[in-house]
Amino acid sequence: MSELDMDAQTPTATLSDCVDLSGYETYDVKAKKAIPLPAQQPLRYVMTATAQRWDGRWMVTDIDPQGGAGATC
């Protein structure tokens, strides 16, 4: 967990996780071959999510798949 604010009117948490695309493959079924990821696509990067606690439950309110510019894991 990156941040936790339980004292706020609406408790908020920010979480970070590593996304690993090194084993990911897109496949073109018509051409019967794998489609390579773009050369500039990082294979590992940090993704962040923000969650808020509402009525006793944590709800994800935002996801940043970029995880911040250049954040790698």
PDB file of N, CA and C in Angstrom:
ATOM      1  N   MET A   1       0.851  -1.169   0.000  1.00  0.00           N
ATOM      2  CA  MET A   1       0.000   0.000   0.000  1.00  0.00           C
ATOM      3  C   MET A   1       0.894   1.228   0.000  1.00  0.00           C
ATOM      4  N   SER A   2       0.538   2.200  -0.812  1.00  0.00           N
ATOM      5  CA  SER A   2       1.330   3.412  -0.917  1.00  0.00           C
ATOM      6  C   SER A   2       0.906   4.470   0.093  1.00  0.00           C
ATOM      7  N   GLU A   3      -0.412   4.632   0.264  1.00  0.00           N
ATOM      8  CA  GLU A   3      -0.928   5.647   1.196  1.00  0.00           C
ATOM      9  C   GLU A   3      -2.239   5.155   1.801  1.00  0.00           C
ATOM     10  N   LEU A   4      -2.490   5.572   3.044  1.00  0.00           N
ATOM     11  CA  LEU A   4      -3.749   5.253   3.708  1.00  0.00           C
ATOM     12  C   LEU A   4      -4.126   6.427   4.593  1.00  0.00           C
ATOM     13  N   ASP A   5      -5.329   6.952   4.413  1.00  0.00           N
ATOM     14  CA  ASP A   5      -5.827   8.057   5.235  1.00  0.00           C
ATOM     15  C   ASP A   5      -7.169   7.649   5.828  1.00  0.00           C
ATOM     16  N   MET A   6      -7.124   7.047   7.002  1.00  0.00           N
ATOM     17  CA  MET A   6      -8.346   6.605   7.678  1.00  0.00           C
ATOM     18  C   MET A   6      -9.011   7.745   8.452  1.00  0.00           C
ATOM     19  N   ASP A   7      -8.304   8.879   8.618  1.00  0.00           N
ATOM     20  CA  ASP A   7      -8.857  10.009   9.370  1.00  0.00           C
ATOM     21  C   ASP A   7      -9.666  10.961   8.500  1.00  0.00           C
ATOM     22  N   ALA A   8      -9.618  10.805   7.199  1.00  0.00           N
ATOM     23  CA  ALA A   8     -10.379  11.670   6.295  1.00  0.00           C
ATOM     24  C   ALA A   8     -11.870  11.392   6.434  1.00  0.00           C
ATOM     25  N   GLN A   9     -12.696  12.354   6.038  1.00  0.00           N
ATOM     26  CA  GLN A   9     -14.148  12.165   6.077  1.00  0.00           C
ATOM     27  C   GLN A   9     -14.534  10.906   5.295  1.00  0.00           C
ATOM     28  N   THR A  10     -13.911  10.727   4.145  1.00  0.00           N
ATOM     29  CA  THR A  10     -14.047   9.489   3.371  1.00  0.00           C
ATOM     30  C   THR A  10     -12.672   8.845   3.353  1.00  0.00           C
ATOM     31  N   PRO A  11     -12.456   7.767   4.135  1.00  0.00           N
ATOM     32  CA  PRO A  11     -11.140   7.129   4.153  1.00  0.00           C
ATOM     33  C   PRO A  11     -10.696   6.741   2.742  1.00  0.00           C
ATOM     34  N   THR A  12      -9.419   6.999   2.458  1.00  0.00           N
ATOM     35  CA  THR A  12      -8.874   6.792   1.121  1.00  0.00           C
ATOM     36  C   THR A  12      -7.568   6.010   1.207  1.00  0.00           C
ATOM     37  N   ALA A  13      -7.373   5.113   0.250  1.00  0.00           N
ATOM     38  CA  ALA A  13      -6.126   4.360   0.138  1.00  0.00           C
ATOM     39  C   ALA A  13      -5.644   4.433  -1.302  1.00  0.00           C
ATOM     40  N   THR A  14      -4.336   4.525  -1.466  1.00  0.00           N
ATOM     41  CA  THR A  14      -3.719   4.463  -2.781  1.00  0.00           C
ATOM     42  C   THR A  14      -2.812   3.250  -2.793  1.00  0.00           C
ATOM     43  N   LEU A  15      -2.993   2.401  -3.787  1.00  0.00           N
ATOM     44  CA  LEU A  15      -2.229   1.163  -3.895  1.00  0.00           C
ATOM     45  C   LEU A  15      -1.413   1.166  -5.173  1.00  0.00           C
ATOM     46  N   SER A  16      -0.272   0.531  -5.132  1.00  0.00           N
ATOM     47  CA  SER A  16       0.577   0.389  -6.309  1.00  0.00           C
ATOM     48  C   SER A  16       0.862  -1.088  -6.518  1.00  0.00           C
ATOM     49  N   ASP A  17       0.931  -1.486  -7.783  1.00  0.00           N
ATOM     50  CA  ASP A  17       1.233  -2.866  -8.099  1.00  0.00           C
ATOM     51  C   ASP A  17       2.023  -2.896  -9.396  1.00  0.00           C
ATOM     52  N   CYS A  18       2.766  -3.961  -9.580  1.00  0.00           N
ATOM     53  CA  CYS A  18       3.560  -4.125 -10.782  1.00  0.00           C
ATOM     54  C   CYS A  18       2.746  -4.880 -11.824  1.00  0.00           C
ATOM     55  N   VAL A  19       2.657  -4.316 -13.028  1.00  0.00           N
ATOM     56  CA  VAL A  19       2.025  -4.994 -14.157  1.00  0.00           C
ATOM     57  C   VAL A  19       3.166  -5.591 -14.983  1.00  0.00           C
ATOM     58  N   ASP A  20       3.081  -6.881 -15.238  1.00  0.00           N
ATOM     59  CA  ASP A  20       4.131  -7.574 -15.977  1.00  0.00           C
ATOM     60  C   ASP A  20       3.543  -8.150 -17.258  1.00  0.00           C
ATOM     61  N   LEU A  21       3.895  -7.551 -18.391  1.00  0.00           N
ATOM     62  CA  LEU A  21       3.390  -7.999 -19.687  1.00  0.00           C
ATOM     63  C   LEU A  21       4.352  -8.950 -20.389  1.00  0.00           C
ATOM     64  N   SER A  22       5.426  -9.355 -19.710  1.00  0.00           N
ATOM     65  CA  SER A  22       6.444 -10.157 -20.382  1.00  0.00           C
ATOM     66  C   SER A  22       5.899 -11.495 -20.882  1.00  0.00           C
ATOM     67  N   GLY A  23       4.848 -12.016 -20.277  1.00  0.00           N
ATOM     68  CA  GLY A  23       4.251 -13.264 -20.738  1.00  0.00           C
ATOM     69  C   GLY A  23       2.958 -13.061 -21.511  1.00  0.00           C
ATOM     70  N   TYR A  24       2.620 -11.807 -21.790  1.00  0.00           N
ATOM     71  CA  TYR A  24       1.379 -11.473 -22.485  1.00  0.00           C
ATOM     72  C   TYR A  24       1.565 -11.601 -23.992  1.00  0.00           C
ATOM     73  N   GLU A  25       0.557 -12.134 -24.652  1.00  0.00           N
ATOM     74  CA  GLU A  25       0.631 -12.274 -26.104  1.00  0.00           C
ATOM     75  C   GLU A  25      -0.740 -12.015 -26.722  1.00  0.00           C
ATOM     76  N   THR A  26      -0.759 -11.190 -27.759  1.00  0.00           N
ATOM     77  CA  THR A  26      -1.963 -10.988 -28.549  1.00  0.00           C
ATOM     78  C   THR A  26      -1.829 -11.867 -29.782  1.00  0.00           C
ATOM     79  N   TYR A  27      -2.908 -12.564 -30.098  1.00  0.00           N
ATOM     80  CA  TYR A  27      -2.834 -13.529 -31.197  1.00  0.00           C
ATOM     81  C   TYR A  27      -3.869 -13.185 -32.261  1.00  0.00           C
ATOM     82  N   ASP A  28      -3.433 -13.153 -33.514  1.00  0.00           N
ATOM     83  CA  ASP A  28      -4.309 -12.918 -34.657  1.00  0.00           C
ATOM     84  C   ASP A  28      -4.770 -14.285 -35.154  1.00  0.00           C
ATOM     85  N   VAL A  29      -6.040 -14.637 -34.887  1.00  0.00           N
ATOM     86  CA  VAL A  29      -6.531 -15.971 -35.240  1.00  0.00           C
ATOM     87  C   VAL A  29      -6.651 -16.163 -36.754  1.00  0.00           C
ATOM     88  N   LYS A  30      -6.923 -15.100 -37.478  1.00  0.00           N
ATOM     89  CA  LYS A  30      -7.024 -15.233 -38.940  1.00  0.00           C
ATOM     90  C   LYS A  30      -5.652 -15.489 -39.572  1.00  0.00           C
ATOM     91  N   ALA A  31      -4.653 -14.730 -39.121  1.00  0.00           N
ATOM     92  CA  ALA A  31      -3.305 -14.885 -39.669  1.00  0.00           C
ATOM     93  C   ALA A  31      -2.556 -16.036 -38.987  1.00  0.00           C
ATOM     94  N   LYS A  32      -3.113 -16.530 -37.888  1.00  0.00           N
ATOM     95  CA  LYS A  32      -2.508 -17.626 -37.112  1.00  0.00           C
ATOM     96  C   LYS A  32      -1.084 -17.307 -36.672  1.00  0.00           C
ATOM     97  N   LYS A  33      -0.952 -16.096 -36.088  1.00  0.00           N
ATOM     98  CA  LYS A  33       0.352 -15.712 -35.567  1.00  0.00           C
ATOM     99  C   LYS A  33       0.191 -14.686 -34.450  1.00  0.00           C
ATOM    100  N   ALA A  34       1.220 -14.617 -33.641  1.00  0.00           N
ATOM    101  CA  ALA A  34       1.236 -13.652 -32.537  1.00  0.00           C
ATOM    102  C   ALA A  34       1.497 -12.256 -33.085  1.00  0.00           C
ATOM    103  N   ILE A  35       0.871 -11.268 -32.455  1.00  0.00           N
ATOM    104  CA  ILE A  35       1.084  -9.873 -32.808  1.00  0.00           C
ATOM    105  C   ILE A  35       2.018  -9.291 -31.746  1.00  0.00           C
ATOM    106  N   PRO A  36       3.199  -8.840 -32.140  1.00  0.00           N
ATOM    107  CA  PRO A  36       4.134  -8.316 -31.132  1.00  0.00           C
ATOM    108  C   PRO A  36       3.625  -7.007 -30.526  1.00  0.00           C
ATOM    109  N   LEU A  37       3.988  -6.791 -29.271  1.00  0.00           N
ATOM    110  CA  LEU A  37       3.669  -5.523 -28.631  1.00  0.00           C
ATOM    111  C   LEU A  37       4.485  -4.426 -29.294  1.00  0.00           C
ATOM    112  N   PRO A  38       4.002  -3.183 -29.269  1.00  0.00           N
ATOM    113  CA  PRO A  38       4.792  -2.085 -29.829  1.00  0.00           C
ATOM    114  C   PRO A  38       6.168  -2.023 -29.151  1.00  0.00           C
ATOM    115  N   ALA A  39       7.186  -1.669 -29.905  1.00  0.00           N
ATOM    116  CA  ALA A  39       8.558  -1.625 -29.385  1.00  0.00           C
ATOM    117  C   ALA A  39       8.689  -0.694 -28.179  1.00  0.00           C
ATOM    118  N   GLN A  40       7.911   0.386 -28.143  1.00  0.00           N
ATOM    119  CA  GLN A  40       8.008   1.355 -27.045  1.00  0.00           C
ATOM    120  C   GLN A  40       7.200   0.930 -25.810  1.00  0.00           C
ATOM    121  N   GLN A  41       6.452  -0.153 -25.883  1.00  0.00           N
ATOM    122  CA  GLN A  41       5.632  -0.627 -24.763  1.00  0.00           C
ATOM    123  C   GLN A  41       6.525  -1.222 -23.679  1.00  0.00           C
ATOM    124  N   PRO A  42       6.536  -0.628 -22.478  1.00  0.00           N
ATOM    125  CA  PRO A  42       7.312  -1.259 -21.403  1.00  0.00           C
ATOM    126  C   PRO A  42       6.678  -2.599 -21.031  1.00  0.00           C
ATOM    127  N   LEU A  43       7.509  -3.573 -20.718  1.00  0.00           N
ATOM    128  CA  LEU A  43       6.986  -4.886 -20.346  1.00  0.00           C
ATOM    129  C   LEU A  43       6.634  -4.966 -18.870  1.00  0.00           C
ATOM    130  N   ARG A  44       7.227  -4.115 -18.056  1.00  0.00           N
ATOM    131  CA  ARG A  44       6.907  -4.061 -16.624  1.00  0.00           C
ATOM    132  C   ARG A  44       6.764  -2.598 -16.217  1.00  0.00           C
ATOM    133  N   TYR A  45       5.670  -2.287 -15.521  1.00  0.00           N
ATOM    134  CA  TYR A  45       5.472  -0.921 -15.051  1.00  0.00           C
ATOM    135  C   TYR A  45       4.547  -0.925 -13.842  1.00  0.00           C
ATOM    136  N   VAL A  46       4.557   0.179 -13.123  1.00  0.00           N
ATOM    137  CA  VAL A  46       3.740   0.326 -11.921  1.00  0.00           C
ATOM    138  C   VAL A  46       2.371   0.878 -12.293  1.00  0.00           C
ATOM    139  N   MET A  47       1.318   0.271 -11.749  1.00  0.00           N
ATOM    140  CA  MET A  47      -0.043   0.761 -11.913  1.00  0.00           C
ATOM    141  C   MET A  47      -0.527   1.176 -10.519  1.00  0.00           C
ATOM    142  N   THR A  48      -1.245   2.288 -10.440  1.00  0.00           N
ATOM    143  CA  THR A  48      -1.776   2.722  -9.153  1.00  0.00           C
ATOM    144  C   THR A  48      -3.301   2.731  -9.185  1.00  0.00           C
ATOM    145  N   ALA A  49      -3.878   2.482  -8.035  1.00  0.00           N
ATOM    146  CA  ALA A  49      -5.337   2.507  -7.881  1.00  0.00           C
ATOM    147  C   ALA A  49      -5.667   3.271  -6.611  1.00  0.00           C
ATOM    148  N   THR A  50      -6.748   4.025  -6.657  1.00  0.00           N
ATOM    149  CA  THR A  50      -7.243   4.741  -5.483  1.00  0.00           C
ATOM    150  C   THR A  50      -8.572   4.117  -5.082  1.00  0.00           C
ATOM    151  N   ALA A  51      -8.721   3.899  -3.794  1.00  0.00           N
ATOM    152  CA  ALA A  51      -9.966   3.325  -3.272  1.00  0.00           C
ATOM    153  C   ALA A  51     -10.471   4.197  -2.130  1.00  0.00           C
ATOM    154  N   GLN A  52     -11.795   4.235  -1.974  1.00  0.00           N
ATOM    155  CA  GLN A  52     -12.432   4.965  -0.880  1.00  0.00           C
ATOM    156  C   GLN A  52     -13.349   4.011  -0.136  1.00  0.00           C
ATOM    157  N   ARG A  53     -13.488   4.268   1.175  1.00  0.00           N
ATOM    158  CA  ARG A  53     -14.342   3.424   1.999  1.00  0.00           C
ATOM    159  C   ARG A  53     -15.717   4.077   2.127  1.00  0.00           C
ATOM    160  N   TRP A  54     -16.727   3.384   1.599  1.00  0.00           N
ATOM    161  CA  TRP A  54     -18.115   3.853   1.622  1.00  0.00           C
ATOM    162  C   TRP A  54     -18.971   2.775   2.272  1.00  0.00           C
ATOM    163  N   ASP A  55     -19.743   3.143   3.276  1.00  0.00           N
ATOM    164  CA  ASP A  55     -20.662   2.222   3.952  1.00  0.00           C
ATOM    165  C   ASP A  55     -19.980   0.919   4.345  1.00  0.00           C
ATOM    166  N   GLY A  56     -18.739   1.017   4.857  1.00  0.00           N
ATOM    167  CA  GLY A  56     -18.030  -0.164   5.337  1.00  0.00           C
ATOM    168  C   GLY A  56     -17.353  -0.985   4.254  1.00  0.00           C
ATOM    169  N   ARG A  57     -17.396  -0.530   3.003  1.00  0.00           N
ATOM    170  CA  ARG A  57     -16.778  -1.280   1.902  1.00  0.00           C
ATOM    171  C   ARG A  57     -15.773  -0.393   1.174  1.00  0.00           C
ATOM    172  N   TRP A  58     -14.698  -1.003   0.728  1.00  0.00           N
ATOM    173  CA  TRP A  58     -13.730  -0.289  -0.085  1.00  0.00           C
ATOM    174  C   TRP A  58     -14.163  -0.359  -1.546  1.00  0.00           C
ATOM    175  N   MET A  59     -14.196   0.790  -2.193  1.00  0.00           N
ATOM    176  CA  MET A  59     -14.599   0.883  -3.599  1.00  0.00           C
ATOM    177  C   MET A  59     -13.448   1.520  -4.382  1.00  0.00           C
ATOM    178  N   VAL A  60     -13.025   0.892  -5.464  1.00  0.00           N
ATOM    179  CA  VAL A  60     -11.987   1.470  -6.314  1.00  0.00           C
ATOM    180  C   VAL A  60     -12.615   2.628  -7.081  1.00  0.00           C
ATOM    181  N   THR A  61     -12.008   3.805  -6.951  1.00  0.00           N
ATOM    182  CA  THR A  61     -12.565   5.004  -7.580  1.00  0.00           C
ATOM    183  C   THR A  61     -11.724   5.521  -8.739  1.00  0.00           C
ATOM    184  N   ASP A  62     -10.474   5.051  -8.841  1.00  0.00           N
ATOM    185  CA  ASP A  62      -9.620   5.509  -9.927  1.00  0.00           C
ATOM    186  C   ASP A  62      -8.511   4.484 -10.154  1.00  0.00           C
ATOM    187  N   ILE A  63      -8.184   4.261 -11.419  1.00  0.00           N
ATOM    188  CA  ILE A  63      -7.054   3.392 -11.772  1.00  0.00           C
ATOM    189  C   ILE A  63      -6.192   4.161 -12.759  1.00  0.00           C
ATOM    190  N   ASP A  64      -4.897   4.224 -12.484  1.00  0.00           N
ATOM    191  CA  ASP A  64      -3.941   4.867 -13.379  1.00  0.00           C
ATOM    192  C   ASP A  64      -3.013   3.787 -13.929  1.00  0.00           C
ATOM    193  N   PRO A  65      -3.283   3.296 -15.136  1.00  0.00           N
ATOM    194  CA  PRO A  65      -2.455   2.223 -15.679  1.00  0.00           C
ATOM    195  C   PRO A  65      -1.034   2.681 -16.005  1.00  0.00           C
ATOM    196  N   GLN A  66      -0.814   3.991 -16.042  1.00  0.00           N
ATOM    197  CA  GLN A  66       0.535   4.486 -16.310  1.00  0.00           C
ATOM    198  C   GLN A  66       1.378   4.474 -15.043  1.00  0.00           C
ATOM    199  N   GLY A  67       0.715   4.590 -13.881  1.00  0.00           N
ATOM    200  CA  GLY A  67       1.435   4.568 -12.620  1.00  0.00           C
ATOM    201  C   GLY A  67       2.411   5.707 -12.436  1.00  0.00           C
ATOM    202  N   GLY A  68       2.263   6.754 -13.194  1.00  0.00           N
ATOM    203  CA  GLY A  68       3.218   7.855 -13.135  1.00  0.00           C
ATOM    204  C   GLY A  68       4.202   7.711 -14.272  1.00  0.00           C
ATOM    205  N   ALA A  69       4.636   8.798 -14.782  1.00  0.00           N
ATOM    206  CA  ALA A  69       5.519   8.786 -15.959  1.00  0.00           C
ATOM    207  C   ALA A  69       6.818   8.046 -15.665  1.00  0.00           C
ATOM    208  N   GLY A  70       7.063   7.014 -16.442  1.00  0.00           N
ATOM    209  CA  GLY A  70       8.325   6.291 -16.342  1.00  0.00           C
ATOM    210  C   GLY A  70       8.472   5.394 -15.143  1.00  0.00           C
ATOM    211  N   ALA A  71       7.419   5.169 -14.386  1.00  0.00           N
ATOM    212  CA  ALA A  71       7.518   4.313 -13.197  1.00  0.00           C
ATOM    213  C   ALA A  71       7.638   2.855 -13.624  1.00  0.00           C
ATOM    214  N   THR A  72       8.762   2.240 -13.312  1.00  0.00           N
ATOM    215  CA  THR A  72       8.960   0.836 -13.663  1.00  0.00           C
ATOM    216  C   THR A  72       9.189   0.020 -12.403  1.00  0.00           C
ATOM    217  N   CYS A  73       8.964  -1.272 -12.503  1.00  0.00           N
ATOM    218  CA  CYS A  73       9.190  -2.150 -11.353  1.00  0.00           C
ATOM    219  C   CYS A  73      10.083  -3.304 -11.739  1.00  0.00           C
TER     220      CYS A  73
END
